[in-house]
Amino acid sequence: MENREDKHLIPPTIIGEITFARFRAQFELLDDGDRLPFYLGSTIRGLFGREFKRLCCPFRGSECATCRLRQGCSYAYVFETPVGEDAAMMRLYPHAPRPYTFDLPYGSGEKMRKSDIFECGFTLIGKAVGLLPYVVCTLDTLAERGLGAGRVRMRLDAVDCFRADGSMKRCYDSRKRRAVGGCEPLSLAQIGFEDRFGQARRLRLRFLTSVRIVYSGSLCRALPFHVFVRNLLRRASALSYFHCGKRLELDFTKIIRQAQNISQIRSELKWQRWKRYSSRQGVLIDMGGLVGEAEYCGEALGQFHALLRLGEIVHVGKGATFGLGRYEVVPV
């Protein structure tokens, strides 16, 4: 039976201090174009970064690390999140996890045609929710400049925000060319994750985009539950500290020990090969990772429900800002 003293090993109230807002941007293509790339997350993320810097940076061409406006710069905060010399964690790292993710599926190889509708999901975390006007302006400019090698022009028609009940609220309408309403940050408590998972002692993780988790210095080709939890805990802890102003007061050692008691009873994970071109570095970068499903079983699984639900929203592993590490939890 489940140990009562471990019932709230990861209290939802603590994980619930990580706030976020989820959005859906809708574009209309204004030109015919080439076939969509294998994964649009890389393309969108690269264009998004360049246009965001154009919007925010008065010193184009300068390095953020030496810029005197770095501490108050929206671009530096979103794309090169500083750790800070007095930070209580990650002081050996140059940057903290960025406060956003994109949600895009793998491409089908279809050609882009005029009047087609293209949707892009994205999530802003913590303080970054307040930067929504910057994000909308950036997406609008990105659309005008064009997508892909052929610079296929688009129009940003609308940006909608998910409410707690899953319904949508219009935040931006191109017909008005201005924001039509803000979006309040949500927490796990507000979206009712407990009703969805119940008391499941068995569940399946379905990876929708490549998950790239490093353990013991190497990318994982298999995914024991405790390895997955270690990585997700680190990400959640850093997002909470750097973007929500809260330290996760958890017994990490005890959580990992419990995670090691969860068994993987089935795995249909496979390695997805994929490379992206970095225009900044001028090279192809390997972005391969695991996709597919893995099934886990254990009496203690209920203790991880809040953490797993958070991971569905903020993703897990390397490349989360590109949309990698996106998964969903499926009760069995």
Protein backbone atom coordinates (compact mmCIF):
# COMPACT_ATOMS: atom_id res chain seq x y z
CA MET A 1 0.00 0.00 0.00
CA GLU A 2 1.01 3.60 -0.49
CA ASN A 3 2.92 4.99 2.45
CA ARG A 4 0.79 7.73 4.06
CA GLU A 5 3.76 9.90 5.00
CA ASP A 6 4.77 9.92 1.32
CA LYS A 7 1.29 10.78 0.06
CA HIS A 8 2.26 14.38 -0.61
CA LEU A 9 5.84 13.82 -1.65
CA ILE A 10 5.30 16.37 -4.43
CA PRO A 11 2.47 18.56 -3.07
CA PRO A 12 0.31 20.04 -5.84
CA THR A 13 0.30 23.31 -3.90
CA ILE A 14 4.08 23.62 -4.37
CA ILE A 15 4.12 22.60 -8.03
CA GLY A 16 1.13 24.92 -8.42
CA GLU A 17 3.34 27.93 -7.72
CA ILE A 18 4.66 27.56 -11.28
CA THR A 19 2.33 29.70 -13.38
CA PHE A 20 1.90 29.72 -17.15
CA ALA A 21 -0.37 30.75 -19.99
CA ARG A 22 -0.99 28.72 -23.13
CA PHE A 23 -1.77 30.28 -26.49
CA ARG A 24 -2.66 29.41 -30.05
CA ALA A 25 -1.62 31.69 -32.92
CA GLN A 26 -3.41 31.39 -36.24
CA PHE A 27 -1.79 32.44 -39.51
CA GLU A 28 -3.13 32.60 -43.07
CA LEU A 29 -0.68 31.99 -45.92
CA LEU A 30 -0.60 34.79 -48.49
CA ASP A 31 1.57 32.96 -51.04
CA ASP A 32 2.05 29.47 -52.42
CA GLY A 33 5.26 27.93 -51.17
CA ASP A 34 7.53 24.91 -50.90
CA ARG A 35 6.91 21.83 -48.82
CA LEU A 36 6.87 22.32 -45.08
CA PRO A 37 10.09 21.33 -43.30
CA PHE A 38 10.17 18.14 -41.25
CA TYR A 39 9.75 20.08 -38.02
CA LEU A 40 8.54 23.67 -38.02
CA GLY A 41 9.49 24.23 -34.37
CA SER A 42 13.09 24.88 -35.36
CA THR A 43 12.11 27.26 -38.17
CA ILE A 44 9.63 29.21 -36.03
CA ARG A 45 11.97 29.39 -33.06
CA GLY A 46 14.84 30.77 -35.16
CA LEU A 47 12.73 33.43 -36.85
CA PHE A 48 11.04 34.29 -33.57
CA GLY A 49 14.37 34.95 -31.87
CA ARG A 50 15.66 37.20 -34.64
CA GLU A 51 12.48 39.26 -34.85
CA PHE A 52 12.17 39.54 -31.07
CA LYS A 53 15.67 40.99 -30.93
CA ARG A 54 14.89 43.44 -33.74
CA LEU A 55 11.92 44.64 -31.70
CA CYS A 56 13.67 44.95 -28.33
CA CYS A 57 17.37 45.63 -28.89
CA PRO A 58 18.68 49.20 -29.46
CA PHE A 59 22.22 47.88 -30.02
CA ARG A 60 21.85 45.40 -32.89
CA GLY A 61 24.95 43.37 -33.45
CA SER A 62 26.16 43.67 -29.86
CA GLU A 63 26.53 40.68 -27.54
CA CYS A 64 23.97 40.34 -24.75
CA ALA A 65 26.64 39.16 -22.30
CA THR A 66 28.42 42.53 -22.37
CA CYS A 67 25.41 44.82 -22.90
CA ARG A 68 24.83 47.41 -20.18
CA LEU A 69 21.05 47.05 -20.57
CA ARG A 70 21.11 43.28 -20.12
CA GLN A 71 19.43 43.13 -16.71
CA GLY A 72 16.35 45.03 -17.88
CA CYS A 73 16.14 43.74 -21.44
CA SER A 74 13.12 41.69 -22.48
CA TYR A 75 15.10 39.91 -25.21
CA ALA A 76 17.91 38.89 -22.86
CA TYR A 77 15.39 37.67 -20.31
CA VAL A 78 13.47 35.53 -22.80
CA PHE A 79 16.27 34.21 -25.01
CA GLU A 80 19.46 34.38 -22.92
CA THR A 81 17.98 34.17 -19.43
CA PRO A 82 20.78 35.25 -17.06
CA VAL A 83 21.53 33.15 -14.01
CA GLY A 84 22.99 35.96 -11.89
CA GLU A 85 26.02 35.85 -9.64
CA ASP A 86 23.90 35.66 -6.49
CA ALA A 87 21.56 32.93 -7.77
CA ALA A 88 20.83 30.08 -5.38
CA MET A 89 21.09 27.51 -8.18
CA MET A 90 22.71 26.91 -11.59
CA ARG A 91 25.60 29.31 -10.92
CA LEU A 92 27.91 27.16 -13.06
CA TYR A 93 25.61 27.50 -16.09
CA PRO A 94 25.67 30.45 -18.51
CA HIS A 95 21.88 30.58 -18.84
CA ALA A 96 18.74 29.42 -17.07
CA PRO A 97 15.93 27.58 -18.89
CA ARG A 98 13.98 29.96 -21.11
CA PRO A 99 10.42 30.88 -20.07
CA TYR A 100 8.58 29.63 -23.15
CA THR A 101 7.96 26.63 -25.37
CA PHE A 102 6.44 26.12 -28.81
CA ASP A 103 3.93 23.36 -29.54
CA LEU A 104 4.15 22.15 -33.12
CA PRO A 105 3.73 18.69 -34.69
CA TYR A 106 6.15 17.07 -37.10
CA GLY A 107 5.53 18.09 -40.71
CA SER A 108 3.70 15.89 -43.22
CA GLY A 109 5.71 17.11 -46.21
CA GLU A 110 2.69 18.93 -47.66
CA LYS A 111 3.15 21.99 -49.84
CA MET A 112 2.14 25.37 -48.47
CA ARG A 113 -0.66 26.93 -50.47
CA LYS A 114 -2.18 30.38 -50.50
CA SER A 115 -5.09 30.76 -48.05
CA ASP A 116 -4.03 27.70 -46.03
CA ILE A 117 -4.39 28.15 -42.27
CA PHE A 118 -1.35 27.43 -40.14
CA GLU A 119 -1.57 27.16 -36.34
CA CYS A 120 1.22 27.47 -33.81
CA GLY A 121 0.86 26.80 -30.10
CA PHE A 122 3.11 28.38 -27.51
CA THR A 123 3.36 28.64 -23.74
CA LEU A 124 4.72 31.51 -21.65
CA ILE A 125 5.90 30.76 -18.12
CA GLY A 126 5.83 32.96 -15.01
CA LYS A 127 6.88 36.56 -15.56
CA ALA A 128 7.07 36.00 -19.32
CA VAL A 129 3.25 36.02 -19.48
CA GLY A 130 3.48 39.78 -19.07
CA LEU A 131 5.48 39.98 -22.30
CA LEU A 132 2.58 38.77 -24.46
CA PRO A 133 2.35 42.12 -26.38
CA TYR A 134 6.01 41.71 -27.39
CA VAL A 135 5.35 38.14 -28.50
CA VAL A 136 2.31 39.13 -30.57
CA CYS A 137 4.23 41.97 -32.26
CA THR A 138 7.08 39.58 -33.01
CA LEU A 139 4.78 36.94 -34.52
CA ASP A 140 3.08 39.61 -36.62
CA THR A 141 6.41 40.82 -38.02
CA LEU A 142 7.64 37.25 -38.50
CA ALA A 143 4.56 36.50 -40.58
CA GLU A 144 5.08 39.52 -42.80
CA ARG A 145 8.73 38.69 -43.44
CA GLY A 146 7.86 35.14 -44.50
CA LEU A 147 8.40 31.52 -43.56
CA GLY A 148 11.02 29.11 -44.88
CA ALA A 149 13.70 29.44 -47.55
CA GLY A 150 11.19 30.90 -50.00
CA ARG A 151 9.98 33.47 -47.47
CA VAL A 152 6.34 32.53 -47.86
CA ARG A 153 4.37 35.47 -46.50
CA MET A 154 1.69 34.97 -43.87
CA ARG A 155 -0.74 37.10 -41.94
CA LEU A 156 -1.20 36.72 -38.21
CA ASP A 157 -4.99 36.52 -37.97
CA ALA A 158 -5.48 35.89 -34.27
CA VAL A 159 -3.95 34.84 -30.98
CA ASP A 160 -6.14 32.98 -28.49
CA CYS A 161 -5.43 32.11 -24.86
CA PHE A 162 -6.59 28.91 -23.16
CA ARG A 163 -8.81 29.43 -20.14
CA ALA A 164 -8.70 27.07 -17.16
CA ASP A 165 -11.69 25.11 -18.50
CA GLY A 166 -10.05 24.61 -21.92
CA SER A 167 -12.12 27.21 -23.74
CA MET A 168 -10.44 30.00 -25.70
CA LYS A 169 -10.25 33.74 -25.17
CA ARG A 170 -9.28 36.07 -28.02
CA CYS A 171 -6.17 38.07 -27.08
CA TYR A 172 -5.34 39.55 -30.48
CA ASP A 173 -7.40 40.13 -33.62
CA SER A 174 -5.74 41.27 -36.84
CA ARG A 175 -8.85 43.17 -37.86
CA LYS A 176 -8.28 45.52 -34.93
CA ARG A 177 -4.46 45.39 -35.14
CA ARG A 178 -4.21 45.54 -31.38
CA ALA A 179 -4.57 43.37 -28.34
CA VAL A 180 -8.20 42.88 -27.40
CA GLY A 181 -7.61 41.40 -23.97
CA GLY A 182 -4.92 40.14 -21.63
CA CYS A 183 -4.46 36.66 -20.24
CA GLU A 184 -4.16 35.78 -16.57
CA PRO A 185 -1.53 33.16 -15.67
CA LEU A 186 -2.88 29.74 -14.70
CA SER A 187 -1.68 27.08 -12.27
CA LEU A 188 -2.22 23.31 -12.08
CA ALA A 189 -4.89 23.74 -9.41
CA GLN A 190 -6.95 25.84 -11.81
CA ILE A 191 -6.92 23.33 -14.66
CA GLY A 192 -8.09 20.40 -12.52
CA PHE A 193 -5.39 17.80 -13.19
CA GLU A 194 -6.51 15.50 -10.35
CA ASP A 195 -9.86 14.79 -12.00
CA ARG A 196 -8.05 13.63 -15.11
CA PHE A 197 -5.58 11.20 -13.53
CA GLY A 198 -7.57 9.97 -10.54
CA GLN A 199 -5.75 7.25 -8.60
CA ALA A 200 -4.07 5.58 -11.58
CA ARG A 201 -1.29 3.13 -10.62
CA ARG A 202 -0.38 2.59 -14.23
CA LEU A 203 0.08 5.10 -17.01
CA ARG A 204 1.59 5.66 -20.41
CA LEU A 205 3.82 8.51 -21.57
CA ARG A 206 3.31 9.31 -25.25
CA PHE A 207 6.08 11.46 -26.72
CA LEU A 208 4.76 13.67 -29.49
CA THR A 209 8.12 15.26 -30.32
CA SER A 210 11.66 14.01 -29.72
CA VAL A 211 12.69 13.88 -26.09
CA ARG A 212 16.40 14.52 -25.50
CA ILE A 213 17.33 13.68 -21.92
CA VAL A 214 20.93 13.58 -20.79
CA TYR A 215 21.81 11.21 -17.93
CA SER A 216 25.33 10.42 -16.76
CA GLY A 217 26.73 12.56 -19.55
CA SER A 218 24.96 10.83 -22.47
CA LEU A 219 21.70 11.18 -24.35
CA CYS A 220 19.30 8.47 -23.20
CA ARG A 221 18.29 5.75 -25.65
CA ALA A 222 16.00 4.23 -23.01
CA LEU A 223 13.90 6.01 -20.40
CA PRO A 224 13.61 4.54 -16.90
CA PHE A 225 11.05 6.45 -14.87
CA HIS A 226 13.57 7.83 -12.38
CA VAL A 227 15.69 9.29 -15.21
CA PHE A 228 12.64 11.04 -16.64
CA VAL A 229 11.68 12.38 -13.20
CA ARG A 230 15.19 13.64 -12.42
CA ASN A 231 15.20 15.73 -15.58
CA LEU A 232 11.67 17.02 -15.14
CA LEU A 233 12.36 17.96 -11.51
CA ARG A 234 15.42 19.98 -12.52
CA ARG A 235 13.45 21.79 -15.19
CA ALA A 236 10.50 22.50 -12.89
CA SER A 237 12.79 23.71 -10.12
CA ALA A 238 14.67 26.10 -12.42
CA LEU A 239 11.52 27.47 -14.07
CA SER A 240 9.97 28.09 -10.66
CA TYR A 241 13.05 29.84 -9.28
CA PHE A 242 14.04 32.01 -12.25
CA HIS A 243 10.63 32.83 -13.68
CA CYS A 244 8.10 32.52 -10.86
CA GLY A 245 10.26 33.73 -7.97
CA LYS A 246 9.73 30.58 -5.89
CA ARG A 247 12.08 27.81 -4.82
CA LEU A 248 10.58 24.34 -4.90
CA GLU A 249 10.90 23.18 -1.30
CA LEU A 250 10.93 19.46 -2.00
CA ASP A 251 12.86 16.46 -0.74
CA PHE A 252 14.53 15.68 -4.09
CA THR A 253 16.46 12.68 -2.76
CA LYS A 254 13.31 11.06 -1.45
CA ILE A 255 11.42 11.76 -4.66
CA ILE A 256 14.12 10.12 -6.78
CA ARG A 257 14.18 7.12 -4.46
CA GLN A 258 10.43 6.68 -4.93
CA ALA A 259 10.76 7.13 -8.68
CA GLN A 260 13.24 4.26 -8.75
CA ASN A 261 10.43 2.01 -7.46
CA ILE A 262 8.32 2.69 -10.55
CA SER A 263 8.78 -0.02 -13.17
CA GLN A 264 8.74 0.35 -16.93
CA ILE A 265 6.54 -2.52 -18.13
CA ARG A 266 6.43 -1.69 -21.83
CA SER A 267 8.44 0.46 -24.21
CA GLU A 268 7.77 1.32 -27.83
CA LEU A 269 10.28 4.15 -27.92
CA LYS A 270 12.43 4.60 -30.98
CA TRP A 271 15.16 7.02 -31.95
CA GLN A 272 13.98 9.79 -34.28
CA ARG A 273 16.83 11.10 -36.42
CA TRP A 274 16.65 14.79 -37.19
CA LYS A 275 19.07 17.65 -37.76
CA ARG A 276 18.45 21.36 -37.85
CA TYR A 277 20.49 24.08 -39.47
CA SER A 278 21.77 26.80 -37.14
CA SER A 279 22.12 30.04 -39.09
CA ARG A 280 24.00 31.57 -36.18
CA GLN A 281 26.61 28.79 -36.09
CA GLY A 282 26.43 27.95 -39.80
CA VAL A 283 26.30 24.18 -39.16
CA LEU A 284 23.86 21.30 -38.97
CA ILE A 285 23.07 20.31 -35.39
CA ASP A 286 21.91 16.84 -34.41
CA MET A 287 18.53 17.04 -32.66
CA GLY A 288 17.63 13.35 -32.60
CA GLY A 289 15.67 11.95 -29.68
CA LEU A 290 13.16 9.40 -28.48
CA VAL A 291 9.58 9.29 -29.76
CA GLY A 292 6.82 6.77 -29.16
CA GLU A 293 5.32 5.40 -25.95
CA ALA A 294 6.48 3.96 -22.66
CA GLU A 295 4.28 2.43 -19.98
CA TYR A 296 5.00 2.53 -16.24
CA CYS A 297 3.47 0.87 -13.19
CA GLY A 298 3.84 1.35 -9.45
CA GLU A 299 1.95 2.03 -6.22
CA ALA A 300 3.68 5.41 -5.88
CA LEU A 301 2.67 6.74 -9.32
CA GLY A 302 -0.06 8.88 -7.78
CA GLN A 303 2.58 10.98 -6.06
CA PHE A 304 3.94 12.10 -9.43
CA HIS A 305 0.69 13.20 -11.06
CA ALA A 306 1.21 16.93 -10.46
CA LEU A 307 4.77 16.84 -11.76
CA LEU A 308 3.79 14.82 -14.85
CA ARG A 309 0.92 17.20 -15.64
CA LEU A 310 3.25 20.18 -15.36
CA GLY A 311 5.66 18.48 -17.77
CA GLU A 312 2.91 18.16 -20.36
CA ILE A 313 2.75 21.95 -20.36
CA VAL A 314 6.42 22.97 -20.05
CA HIS A 315 7.96 19.94 -21.84
CA VAL A 316 11.04 18.01 -20.71
CA GLY A 317 14.66 17.61 -21.81
CA LYS A 318 16.86 19.58 -24.17
CA GLY A 319 15.38 21.72 -26.94
CA ALA A 320 12.12 22.43 -25.11
CA THR A 321 11.95 25.94 -26.56
CA PHE A 322 11.88 24.40 -30.06
CA GLY A 323 8.93 22.27 -28.96
CA LEU A 324 10.93 19.12 -28.27
CA GLY A 325 10.17 16.97 -25.23
CA ARG A 326 6.42 17.37 -25.69
CA TYR A 327 4.44 14.48 -24.29
CA GLU A 328 1.04 13.53 -22.95
CA VAL A 329 0.08 11.27 -20.06
CA VAL A 330 -2.41 8.53 -20.86
CA PRO A 331 -3.99 6.62 -17.92
CA VAL A 332 -4.17 2.90 -18.66
